[in-house]
Amino acid sequence: MELPQNLDSKFRFILVAARRARQLQAGAKPLIQTPTKRMTRVAQQEVGAGLVPIEFVGLAALEKIQKKKSAK
């Protein structure tokens, strides 16, 4: 399987597909029609088709989140 244009690595592809597979297993409706019933495969196909929105969090945003957690 080739990486979608909006992903920079196989690792990120797996992370996004795994999160989407968990959503599907929890009852989310698939975004594509496919003959397979395996949620992991459905998630991979959705990510590969560019149907799953992906948001990249920058380093500054991560530092801000960590500061909030440590302030509590």
Protein backbone atom coordinates (compact mmCIF):
# COMPACT_ATOMS: atom_id res chain seq x y z
CA MET A 1 0.00 0.00 0.00
CA GLU A 2 1.30 3.44 -0.89
CA LEU A 3 1.28 6.28 1.57
CA PRO A 4 -1.33 8.99 1.03
CA GLN A 5 0.04 12.38 -0.05
CA ASN A 6 -0.92 14.06 3.24
CA LEU A 7 1.12 11.65 5.40
CA ASP A 8 4.87 11.81 5.82
CA SER A 9 5.64 8.34 7.18
CA LYS A 10 4.37 4.79 7.53
CA PHE A 11 4.40 5.25 11.30
CA ARG A 12 1.94 8.16 11.12
CA PHE A 13 -0.24 6.17 8.68
CA ILE A 14 -0.46 3.31 11.18
CA LEU A 15 -1.26 5.67 14.06
CA VAL A 16 -4.07 7.36 12.13
CA ALA A 17 -5.49 4.06 10.85
CA ALA A 18 -5.37 2.52 14.34
CA ARG A 19 -7.27 5.44 15.84
CA ARG A 20 -9.86 5.24 13.06
CA ALA A 21 -10.19 1.45 13.54
CA ARG A 22 -10.96 2.04 17.23
CA GLN A 23 -13.68 4.50 16.22
CA LEU A 24 -15.15 1.95 13.83
CA GLN A 25 -15.09 -0.77 16.48
CA ALA A 26 -16.89 1.59 18.85
CA GLY A 27 -19.75 1.98 16.35
CA ALA A 28 -18.74 4.73 13.93
CA LYS A 29 -20.10 4.34 10.40
CA PRO A 30 -17.56 3.45 7.69
CA LEU A 31 -16.84 6.23 5.19
CA ILE A 32 -16.40 3.79 2.30
CA GLN A 33 -18.15 0.66 1.09
CA THR A 34 -15.92 -2.38 1.07
CA PRO A 35 -16.54 -6.12 1.11
CA THR A 36 -14.23 -6.66 4.10
CA LYS A 37 -15.59 -6.71 7.63
CA ARG A 38 -12.19 -6.18 9.28
CA MET A 39 -12.22 -2.76 10.88
CA THR A 40 -8.46 -2.36 10.62
CA ARG A 41 -8.57 -2.91 6.85
CA VAL A 42 -11.54 -0.55 6.45
CA ALA A 43 -9.63 2.11 8.41
CA GLN A 44 -6.54 1.66 6.23
CA GLN A 45 -8.62 2.07 3.09
CA GLU A 46 -10.32 5.18 4.47
CA VAL A 47 -6.99 6.78 5.39
CA GLY A 48 -5.52 5.76 2.03
CA ALA A 49 -8.45 7.39 0.22
CA GLY A 50 -7.95 10.62 2.18
CA LEU A 51 -11.36 10.43 3.86
CA VAL A 52 -10.07 10.66 7.43
CA PRO A 53 -9.21 14.22 8.53
CA ILE A 54 -5.71 14.49 9.95
CA GLU A 55 -4.55 17.35 12.17
CA PHE A 56 -0.86 17.82 12.88
CA VAL A 57 -0.11 19.36 16.25
CA GLY A 58 2.99 21.53 16.26
CA LEU A 59 5.67 21.57 18.91
CA ALA A 60 4.43 24.87 20.35
CA ALA A 61 0.96 23.43 20.85
CA LEU A 62 2.38 20.37 22.59
CA GLU A 63 4.43 22.55 24.96
CA LYS A 64 1.31 24.58 25.75
CA ILE A 65 -0.63 21.41 26.59
CA GLN A 66 2.19 20.17 28.82
CA LYS A 67 2.32 23.51 30.69
CA LYS A 68 -1.41 23.30 31.36
CA LYS A 69 -1.06 19.77 32.72
CA SER A 70 1.87 20.67 34.97
CA ALA A 71 0.05 23.74 36.34
CA LYS A 72 -2.73 21.58 37.75
